[in-house]
């Protein structure tokens, strides 16, 4: 699903779909969809329902530290994610420390 410019409407649709229909997805590539923080938070909360997710790509989605806490919460929920791609977002400075700390655990 990369490069489809889902933006807010598409990302929130996916979030509601994942909440209502847990799936056995192991790899999810949402790179380059301009999701942003508001929809990113909803999407990350819904990903908890994807219990088999191992590889998540959220690069190039205009995510910042505002969605960082949702990402930390997602990873804390017994996530099986072993590969996480977040390049070309706008995470910065000390606000990203909780995420880095979580990844080190």
N, C-alpha and C. Protein backbone atom coordinates (compact mmCIF):
# COMPACT_ATOMS: atom_id res chain seq x y z
N UNK A 1 0.81 -1.19 0.00
CA UNK A 1 0.00 0.00 0.00
C UNK A 1 0.85 1.25 0.00
N UNK A 2 2.10 1.14 -0.35
CA UNK A 2 2.97 2.31 -0.32
C UNK A 2 2.68 3.24 -1.48
N UNK A 3 2.93 4.52 -1.26
CA UNK A 3 2.83 5.52 -2.31
C UNK A 3 1.45 5.79 -2.83
N UNK A 4 0.43 5.62 -2.02
CA UNK A 4 -0.94 5.83 -2.49
C UNK A 4 -1.58 7.13 -2.00
N UNK A 5 -0.79 7.93 -1.26
CA UNK A 5 -1.30 9.20 -0.74
C UNK A 5 -2.63 9.01 -0.01
N UNK A 6 -2.66 8.04 0.87
CA UNK A 6 -3.88 7.77 1.64
C UNK A 6 -4.30 8.97 2.46
N UNK A 7 -3.35 9.70 2.99
CA UNK A 7 -3.56 10.85 3.87
C UNK A 7 -4.56 10.53 4.98
N UNK A 8 -5.17 11.56 5.55
CA UNK A 8 -6.04 11.36 6.71
C UNK A 8 -7.23 10.43 6.43
N UNK A 9 -8.02 10.66 5.38
CA UNK A 9 -9.20 9.79 5.19
C UNK A 9 -8.85 8.31 5.01
N UNK A 10 -7.85 8.05 4.20
CA UNK A 10 -7.47 6.66 3.95
C UNK A 10 -6.88 5.98 5.17
N UNK A 11 -6.06 6.72 5.91
CA UNK A 11 -5.44 6.14 7.10
C UNK A 11 -6.46 5.86 8.19
N UNK A 12 -7.43 6.76 8.35
CA UNK A 12 -8.45 6.51 9.37
C UNK A 12 -9.37 5.36 8.94
N UNK A 13 -9.61 5.22 7.64
CA UNK A 13 -10.38 4.07 7.16
C UNK A 13 -9.65 2.78 7.48
N UNK A 14 -8.34 2.73 7.19
CA UNK A 14 -7.55 1.54 7.52
C UNK A 14 -7.59 1.25 9.01
N UNK A 15 -7.47 2.30 9.82
CA UNK A 15 -7.49 2.13 11.27
C UNK A 15 -8.79 1.47 11.71
N UNK A 16 -9.91 1.96 11.22
CA UNK A 16 -11.20 1.37 11.63
C UNK A 16 -11.33 -0.06 11.10
N UNK A 17 -10.79 -0.31 9.92
CA UNK A 17 -10.85 -1.67 9.35
C UNK A 17 -10.02 -2.64 10.19
N UNK A 18 -8.81 -2.23 10.59
CA UNK A 18 -7.97 -3.10 11.41
C UNK A 18 -8.59 -3.35 12.79
N UNK A 19 -9.28 -2.37 13.33
CA UNK A 19 -9.93 -2.55 14.63
C UNK A 19 -11.08 -3.54 14.54
N UNK A 20 -11.83 -3.48 13.46
CA UNK A 20 -13.01 -4.35 13.31
C UNK A 20 -12.67 -5.72 12.74
N UNK A 21 -11.56 -5.82 12.02
CA UNK A 21 -11.20 -7.06 11.33
C UNK A 21 -9.73 -7.42 11.57
N UNK A 22 -9.41 -7.96 12.73
CA UNK A 22 -8.02 -8.36 12.97
C UNK A 22 -7.55 -9.32 11.87
N UNK A 23 -6.34 -9.11 11.38
CA UNK A 23 -5.83 -9.91 10.27
C UNK A 23 -4.50 -10.56 10.65
N UNK A 24 -4.05 -11.46 9.83
CA UNK A 24 -2.80 -12.17 10.06
C UNK A 24 -1.65 -11.57 9.26
N UNK A 25 -1.64 -10.26 9.10
CA UNK A 25 -0.62 -9.57 8.32
C UNK A 25 0.73 -9.61 9.05
N UNK A 26 1.79 -9.98 8.31
CA UNK A 26 3.14 -9.98 8.88
C UNK A 26 3.96 -8.79 8.38
N UNK A 27 3.62 -8.26 7.21
CA UNK A 27 4.37 -7.16 6.60
C UNK A 27 3.38 -6.10 6.13
N UNK A 28 3.57 -4.87 6.59
CA UNK A 28 2.69 -3.78 6.20
C UNK A 28 3.55 -2.59 5.78
N UNK A 29 3.44 -2.21 4.51
CA UNK A 29 4.22 -1.10 3.98
C UNK A 29 3.27 0.05 3.65
N UNK A 30 3.33 1.09 4.47
CA UNK A 30 2.51 2.28 4.25
C UNK A 30 3.38 3.50 3.92
N UNK A 31 4.54 3.25 3.36
CA UNK A 31 5.47 4.34 3.04
C UNK A 31 4.85 5.31 2.04
N UNK A 32 5.11 6.60 2.26
CA UNK A 32 4.74 7.63 1.30
C UNK A 32 3.26 7.86 1.16
N UNK A 33 2.53 7.86 2.27
CA UNK A 33 1.09 8.07 2.21
C UNK A 33 0.62 9.35 2.88
N UNK A 34 1.54 10.20 3.31
CA UNK A 34 1.17 11.49 3.93
C UNK A 34 0.12 11.32 5.02
N UNK A 35 0.35 10.36 5.88
CA UNK A 35 -0.62 10.03 6.93
C UNK A 35 -0.72 11.14 7.97
N UNK A 36 0.38 11.70 8.40
CA UNK A 36 0.36 12.76 9.40
C UNK A 36 0.10 12.23 10.80
N UNK A 37 0.25 13.12 11.78
CA UNK A 37 0.16 12.71 13.18
C UNK A 37 -1.25 12.32 13.63
N UNK A 38 -2.23 13.08 13.25
CA UNK A 38 -3.59 12.80 13.73
C UNK A 38 -4.05 11.41 13.29
N UNK A 39 -3.96 11.12 12.02
CA UNK A 39 -4.34 9.80 11.53
C UNK A 39 -3.33 8.74 11.95
N UNK A 40 -2.05 9.16 12.07
CA UNK A 40 -1.02 8.22 12.49
C UNK A 40 -1.29 7.64 13.86
N UNK A 41 -1.76 8.48 14.77
CA UNK A 41 -2.10 7.99 16.12
C UNK A 41 -3.20 6.94 16.05
N UNK A 42 -4.26 7.23 15.30
CA UNK A 42 -5.37 6.27 15.17
C UNK A 42 -4.89 4.97 14.55
N UNK A 43 -4.09 5.10 13.51
CA UNK A 43 -3.59 3.91 12.83
C UNK A 43 -2.72 3.06 13.76
N UNK A 44 -1.83 3.69 14.48
CA UNK A 44 -0.95 2.94 15.39
C UNK A 44 -1.73 2.25 16.50
N UNK A 45 -2.76 2.88 17.00
CA UNK A 45 -3.61 2.24 18.00
C UNK A 45 -4.28 0.99 17.41
N UNK A 46 -4.73 1.10 16.17
CA UNK A 46 -5.41 -0.04 15.54
C UNK A 46 -4.46 -1.19 15.21
N UNK A 47 -3.19 -0.90 15.00
CA UNK A 47 -2.24 -1.94 14.64
C UNK A 47 -2.03 -2.96 15.75
N UNK A 48 -2.43 -2.63 16.95
CA UNK A 48 -2.36 -3.58 18.05
C UNK A 48 -3.14 -4.85 17.71
N UNK A 49 -4.15 -4.72 16.86
CA UNK A 49 -4.96 -5.87 16.46
C UNK A 49 -4.27 -6.78 15.45
N UNK A 50 -3.16 -6.32 14.89
CA UNK A 50 -2.41 -7.14 13.94
C UNK A 50 -1.32 -7.88 14.71
N UNK A 51 -1.72 -8.93 15.38
CA UNK A 51 -0.86 -9.64 16.32
C UNK A 51 0.37 -10.29 15.68
N UNK A 52 0.33 -10.56 14.38
CA UNK A 52 1.45 -11.23 13.71
C UNK A 52 2.36 -10.27 12.95
N UNK A 53 2.13 -8.99 13.08
CA UNK A 53 2.90 -8.00 12.35
C UNK A 53 4.37 -8.03 12.80
N UNK A 54 5.26 -8.24 11.84
CA UNK A 54 6.69 -8.33 12.14
C UNK A 54 7.50 -7.20 11.49
N UNK A 55 7.01 -6.67 10.38
CA UNK A 55 7.76 -5.66 9.63
C UNK A 55 6.77 -4.53 9.29
N UNK A 56 7.06 -3.34 9.81
CA UNK A 56 6.18 -2.18 9.61
C UNK A 56 6.98 -1.05 8.99
N UNK A 57 6.47 -0.54 7.88
CA UNK A 57 7.11 0.58 7.18
C UNK A 57 6.18 1.79 7.23
N UNK A 58 6.62 2.82 7.93
CA UNK A 58 5.86 4.07 8.03
C UNK A 58 6.69 5.27 7.55
N UNK A 59 7.65 5.03 6.72
CA UNK A 59 8.53 6.08 6.22
C UNK A 59 7.74 7.06 5.35
N UNK A 60 8.22 8.30 5.31
CA UNK A 60 7.66 9.34 4.45
C UNK A 60 6.16 9.56 4.68
N UNK A 61 5.80 9.73 5.95
CA UNK A 61 4.38 9.94 6.28
C UNK A 61 4.13 11.18 7.12
N UNK A 62 5.13 12.05 7.20
CA UNK A 62 4.97 13.30 7.96
C UNK A 62 4.62 13.04 9.42
N UNK A 63 5.13 11.95 9.97
CA UNK A 63 4.93 11.65 11.38
C UNK A 63 5.95 12.41 12.21
N UNK A 64 5.55 12.86 13.37
CA UNK A 64 6.47 13.57 14.25
C UNK A 64 6.34 13.00 15.66
N UNK A 65 6.93 13.69 16.60
CA UNK A 65 6.90 13.21 17.97
C UNK A 65 5.49 13.15 18.53
N UNK A 66 4.54 13.85 17.89
CA UNK A 66 3.15 13.78 18.35
C UNK A 66 2.59 12.37 18.20
N UNK A 67 3.00 11.65 17.19
CA UNK A 67 2.55 10.26 17.04
C UNK A 67 3.55 9.29 17.65
N UNK A 68 4.66 9.81 18.15
CA UNK A 68 5.68 8.96 18.75
C UNK A 68 5.19 8.16 19.94
N UNK A 69 4.37 8.79 20.80
CA UNK A 69 3.85 8.07 21.97
C UNK A 69 2.93 6.93 21.55
N UNK A 70 2.14 7.14 20.53
CA UNK A 70 1.29 6.05 20.03
C UNK A 70 2.14 4.91 19.50
N UNK A 71 3.27 5.24 18.90
CA UNK A 71 4.19 4.22 18.41
C UNK A 71 4.80 3.44 19.57
N UNK A 72 5.20 4.16 20.62
CA UNK A 72 5.73 3.50 21.82
C UNK A 72 4.67 2.58 22.43
N UNK A 73 3.44 3.07 22.54
CA UNK A 73 2.36 2.25 23.10
C UNK A 73 2.12 1.01 22.25
N UNK A 74 2.14 1.17 20.94
CA UNK A 74 1.96 0.02 20.04
C UNK A 74 3.05 -1.02 20.29
N UNK A 75 4.29 -0.57 20.35
CA UNK A 75 5.40 -1.51 20.55
C UNK A 75 5.37 -2.16 21.93
N UNK A 76 4.78 -1.48 22.90
CA UNK A 76 4.67 -2.03 24.26
C UNK A 76 3.59 -3.12 24.38
N UNK A 77 2.69 -3.22 23.43
CA UNK A 77 1.55 -4.13 23.51
C UNK A 77 1.88 -5.52 22.97
N UNK A 78 2.92 -6.11 23.47
CA UNK A 78 3.32 -7.45 23.05
C UNK A 78 3.49 -7.54 21.53
N UNK A 79 3.99 -6.49 20.96
CA UNK A 79 4.21 -6.44 19.52
C UNK A 79 5.29 -7.43 19.11
N UNK A 80 5.11 -8.05 17.94
CA UNK A 80 6.11 -8.96 17.39
C UNK A 80 6.99 -8.26 16.36
N UNK A 81 6.84 -6.95 16.23
CA UNK A 81 7.59 -6.20 15.23
C UNK A 81 9.08 -6.29 15.51
N UNK A 82 9.83 -6.78 14.52
CA UNK A 82 11.28 -6.86 14.63
C UNK A 82 11.97 -5.91 13.66
N UNK A 83 11.21 -5.38 12.69
CA UNK A 83 11.77 -4.42 11.76
C UNK A 83 10.80 -3.26 11.61
N UNK A 84 11.30 -2.07 11.90
CA UNK A 84 10.48 -0.85 11.87
C UNK A 84 11.21 0.20 11.05
N UNK A 85 10.57 0.69 10.00
CA UNK A 85 11.18 1.68 9.14
C UNK A 85 10.43 3.00 9.27
N UNK A 86 11.17 4.03 9.70
CA UNK A 86 10.57 5.34 9.96
C UNK A 86 11.31 6.48 9.27
N UNK A 87 12.16 6.19 8.32
CA UNK A 87 12.97 7.25 7.72
C UNK A 87 12.10 8.29 6.99
N UNK A 88 12.66 9.48 6.90
CA UNK A 88 12.02 10.63 6.25
C UNK A 88 10.68 11.01 6.88
N UNK A 89 10.64 10.98 8.19
CA UNK A 89 9.56 11.58 8.96
C UNK A 89 10.18 12.77 9.69
N UNK A 90 9.47 13.36 10.61
CA UNK A 90 10.00 14.56 11.27
C UNK A 90 10.18 14.37 12.77
N UNK A 91 10.52 13.18 13.20
CA UNK A 91 10.87 12.95 14.60
C UNK A 91 12.14 13.75 14.90
N UNK A 92 12.23 14.30 16.12
CA UNK A 92 13.43 15.08 16.42
C UNK A 92 13.76 15.09 17.91
N UNK A 93 15.02 15.41 18.17
CA UNK A 93 15.52 15.70 19.50
C UNK A 93 15.12 14.74 20.60
N UNK A 94 15.04 15.30 21.80
CA UNK A 94 14.77 14.50 23.00
C UNK A 94 13.36 13.93 23.01
N UNK A 95 12.47 14.47 22.20
CA UNK A 95 11.10 13.94 22.16
C UNK A 95 11.05 12.51 21.65
N UNK A 96 12.09 12.07 20.96
CA UNK A 96 12.11 10.73 20.40
C UNK A 96 12.72 9.71 21.37
N UNK A 97 13.27 10.18 22.48
CA UNK A 97 13.94 9.28 23.43
C UNK A 97 13.05 8.13 23.91
N UNK A 98 11.78 8.35 24.23
CA UNK A 98 10.97 7.19 24.66
C UNK A 98 10.89 6.09 23.61
N UNK A 99 10.84 6.47 22.34
CA UNK A 99 10.81 5.47 21.28
C UNK A 99 12.13 4.72 21.18
N UNK A 100 13.23 5.44 21.24
CA UNK A 100 14.54 4.81 21.17
C UNK A 100 14.74 3.88 22.37
N UNK A 101 14.33 4.32 23.54
CA UNK A 101 14.44 3.49 24.74
C UNK A 101 13.64 2.22 24.59
N UNK A 102 12.42 2.33 24.04
CA UNK A 102 11.57 1.16 23.83
C UNK A 102 12.22 0.20 22.83
N UNK A 103 12.80 0.72 21.77
CA UNK A 103 13.43 -0.13 20.77
C UNK A 103 14.63 -0.87 21.32
N UNK A 104 15.32 -0.26 22.27
CA UNK A 104 16.47 -0.91 22.90
C UNK A 104 16.07 -2.03 23.84
N UNK A 105 14.81 -2.04 24.28
CA UNK A 105 14.33 -3.09 25.17
C UNK A 105 13.80 -4.20 24.34
